[in-house]
Amino acid sequence: MMRFFLLLMFLFGFIMLPAQVLLQIEKYGSPKTQKLGLGTYLEYRLYAYDEWQAGTIERLIPEEDIIVLNDRYVKLSDIESFRFDSPQRWSRPLGKSLLTFAASWALFSAGAALVNNEDYPYTWGDVGVSATAGASGFLIQRIFRYKKYHFDKRNRLRIVDLSIHG
């Protein structure tokens, strides 16, 4: 009796499962895809506008290729690109290292000038090294902050419905 009950629960459990609908980013020639589900925060740019807009995916309509965001409906063909706040693997550590180098260069050269100004004066060269390293570290972190997907011949955006039809 217990086995029969478990079998019924197992069968009815699959009938009650909700369908999973995903937004999928595909790259030409690559089997790897990036899948985005409901509740994903998106920064996107439409062909009609130049500025970036943001929204959370609330619903995906695969029959009409429409994404329902928190304040609007967007057709997939109207989306020019996505941008995700995921920096390159090397940019954040390199930027932090350059900022640390700039601060330590300024601190040690100022300390050396305070202790022995005759042999180690604080010069414009010290200011230049600190400023250049600090500006480079800051700009590297800012420039390589976002990962962008432009939807054209190489990248494709589509809605995938993974529901089981019986």
Protein backbone atom coordinates (compact mmCIF):
# COMPACT_ATOMS: atom_id res chain seq x y z
CA MET A 1 0.00 0.00 0.00
CA MET A 2 2.82 2.36 0.85
CA ARG A 3 4.52 1.71 -2.48
CA PHE A 4 1.30 2.44 -4.35
CA PHE A 5 0.89 5.71 -2.43
CA LEU A 6 4.49 6.73 -3.20
CA LEU A 7 3.98 5.89 -6.88
CA LEU A 8 0.85 8.06 -7.02
CA MET A 9 2.62 10.95 -5.29
CA PHE A 10 5.53 10.63 -7.70
CA LEU A 11 3.26 10.67 -10.77
CA PHE A 12 1.06 13.54 -9.57
CA GLY A 13 4.13 15.50 -8.55
CA PHE A 14 5.22 15.72 -12.19
CA ILE A 15 1.77 16.77 -13.35
CA MET A 16 1.73 19.68 -10.93
CA LEU A 17 5.15 21.06 -11.86
CA PRO A 18 5.02 24.55 -13.35
CA ALA A 19 6.60 25.17 -16.71
CA GLN A 20 9.95 26.86 -16.78
CA VAL A 21 10.33 29.68 -19.28
CA LEU A 22 13.78 31.21 -19.71
CA LEU A 23 15.37 34.05 -21.61
CA GLN A 24 18.44 32.66 -23.36
CA ILE A 25 21.48 34.46 -24.79
CA GLU A 26 23.21 32.42 -27.49
CA LYS A 27 26.56 33.11 -29.12
CA TYR A 28 27.09 31.94 -32.69
CA GLY A 29 29.28 28.83 -32.88
CA SER A 30 29.30 28.22 -29.13
CA PRO A 31 27.27 25.55 -27.35
CA LYS A 32 27.36 27.58 -24.12
CA THR A 33 24.38 29.78 -23.41
CA GLN A 34 23.44 32.15 -20.66
CA LYS A 35 19.97 31.62 -19.23
CA LEU A 36 18.02 34.31 -17.38
CA GLY A 37 14.95 33.43 -15.36
CA LEU A 38 12.12 35.32 -13.77
CA GLY A 39 13.24 37.93 -11.27
CA THR A 40 16.51 38.67 -13.06
CA TYR A 41 17.56 42.32 -13.04
CA LEU A 42 18.36 43.57 -16.55
CA GLU A 43 19.99 46.68 -17.92
CA TYR A 44 19.02 46.95 -21.56
CA ARG A 45 19.12 49.38 -24.46
CA LEU A 46 16.46 49.53 -27.15
CA TYR A 47 17.07 50.44 -30.79
CA ALA A 48 14.80 53.47 -30.42
CA TYR A 49 16.65 54.96 -27.41
CA ASP A 50 20.30 55.72 -26.67
CA GLU A 51 20.20 55.52 -22.88
CA TRP A 52 20.31 52.38 -20.77
CA GLN A 53 17.11 51.30 -19.05
CA ALA A 54 16.66 48.83 -16.22
CA GLY A 55 13.97 46.43 -15.11
CA THR A 56 13.24 43.07 -13.54
CA ILE A 57 11.84 40.19 -15.59
CA GLU A 58 8.34 39.47 -14.31
CA ARG A 59 7.01 37.29 -17.11
CA LEU A 60 8.08 35.85 -20.45
CA ILE A 61 5.58 35.28 -23.26
CA PRO A 62 7.15 32.82 -25.74
CA GLU A 63 4.29 32.87 -28.27
CA GLU A 64 4.79 36.57 -29.02
CA ASP A 65 8.48 36.95 -28.02
CA ILE A 66 7.68 39.51 -25.33
CA ILE A 67 9.46 40.22 -22.06
CA VAL A 68 7.25 41.69 -19.34
CA LEU A 69 9.36 43.96 -17.17
CA ASN A 70 8.16 45.76 -14.06
CA ASP A 71 6.97 48.81 -16.00
CA ARG A 72 6.62 47.80 -19.65
CA TYR A 73 6.33 45.14 -22.33
CA VAL A 74 9.38 44.77 -24.59
CA LYS A 75 9.60 42.74 -27.80
CA LEU A 76 12.82 40.79 -28.30
CA SER A 77 13.35 42.38 -31.72
CA ASP A 78 13.42 45.87 -30.12
CA ILE A 79 16.32 45.08 -27.76
CA GLU A 80 19.73 46.21 -29.01
CA SER A 81 21.93 45.06 -26.11
CA PHE A 82 22.14 43.91 -22.50
CA ARG A 83 24.69 44.99 -19.94
CA PHE A 84 25.54 43.12 -16.74
CA ASP A 85 27.51 44.51 -13.82
CA SER A 86 30.11 41.76 -13.84
CA PRO A 87 33.64 43.09 -14.20
CA GLN A 88 36.35 41.23 -16.05
CA ARG A 89 38.26 38.77 -13.88
CA TRP A 90 41.48 40.79 -14.07
CA SER A 91 40.16 44.37 -13.95
CA ARG A 92 39.11 44.64 -10.31
CA PRO A 93 42.32 43.17 -8.80
CA LEU A 94 44.53 45.20 -11.15
CA GLY A 95 42.62 48.40 -10.38
CA LYS A 96 42.84 47.81 -6.64
CA SER A 97 46.54 47.01 -6.91
CA LEU A 98 47.21 50.24 -8.79
CA LEU A 99 45.21 52.26 -6.25
CA THR A 100 47.14 50.61 -3.41
CA PHE A 101 50.43 51.30 -5.17
CA ALA A 102 49.48 54.97 -5.66
CA ALA A 103 48.54 55.41 -2.01
CA SER A 104 51.65 53.65 -0.72
CA TRP A 105 53.94 55.60 -3.09
CA ALA A 106 52.45 58.89 -1.89
CA LEU A 107 52.63 57.84 1.76
CA PHE A 108 56.21 56.53 1.67
CA SER A 109 57.56 59.44 -0.37
CA ALA A 110 55.84 61.95 1.94
CA GLY A 111 57.18 60.07 4.97
CA ALA A 112 60.70 60.06 3.55
CA ALA A 113 60.44 63.80 2.85
CA LEU A 114 59.31 64.45 6.45
CA VAL A 115 62.15 62.41 7.95
CA ASN A 116 64.97 63.56 5.67
CA ASN A 117 63.96 66.33 3.29
CA GLU A 118 67.50 67.04 2.08
CA ASP A 119 68.18 63.58 0.64
CA TYR A 120 64.60 62.61 -0.27
CA PRO A 121 62.55 65.68 -1.18
CA TYR A 122 58.90 65.30 -2.19
CA THR A 123 58.98 66.24 -5.88
CA TRP A 124 56.49 66.60 -8.70
CA GLY A 125 57.69 63.20 -9.90
CA ASP A 126 56.26 61.61 -6.75
CA VAL A 127 52.98 63.42 -7.31
CA GLY A 128 52.95 62.30 -10.95
CA VAL A 129 53.59 58.65 -10.13
CA SER A 130 50.87 58.61 -7.47
CA ALA A 131 48.36 60.47 -9.63
CA THR A 132 49.01 58.37 -12.73
CA ALA A 133 48.78 55.05 -10.88
CA GLY A 134 45.65 56.15 -9.00
CA ALA A 135 43.91 57.45 -12.13
CA SER A 136 44.85 54.29 -14.06
CA GLY A 137 43.48 52.03 -11.32
CA PHE A 138 40.24 53.99 -11.11
CA LEU A 139 39.74 54.07 -14.90
CA ILE A 140 40.50 50.37 -15.36
CA GLN A 141 37.80 49.51 -12.82
CA ARG A 142 35.31 51.86 -14.50
CA ILE A 143 35.99 50.98 -18.13
CA PHE A 144 35.90 47.20 -17.69
CA ARG A 145 33.00 47.20 -15.21
CA TYR A 146 30.24 45.92 -17.48
CA LYS A 147 29.85 42.85 -19.66
CA LYS A 148 27.81 43.78 -22.71
CA TYR A 149 25.92 41.61 -25.16
CA HIS A 150 25.01 43.27 -28.47
CA PHE A 151 22.36 41.31 -30.34
CA ASP A 152 23.39 41.09 -33.96
CA LYS A 153 24.76 38.34 -36.19
CA ARG A 154 26.96 36.86 -33.44
CA ASN A 155 24.64 37.00 -30.42
CA ARG A 156 21.00 36.01 -30.38
CA LEU A 157 18.28 36.45 -27.79
CA ARG A 158 15.32 34.11 -27.54
CA ILE A 159 12.70 32.84 -25.14
CA VAL A 160 12.84 29.11 -24.39
CA ASP A 161 9.80 27.26 -23.04
CA LEU A 162 10.86 24.08 -21.22
CA SER A 163 7.40 22.86 -20.31
CA ILE A 164 6.48 19.20 -20.70
CA HIS A 165 3.45 18.68 -22.93
CA GLY A 166 1.70 15.40 -22.33
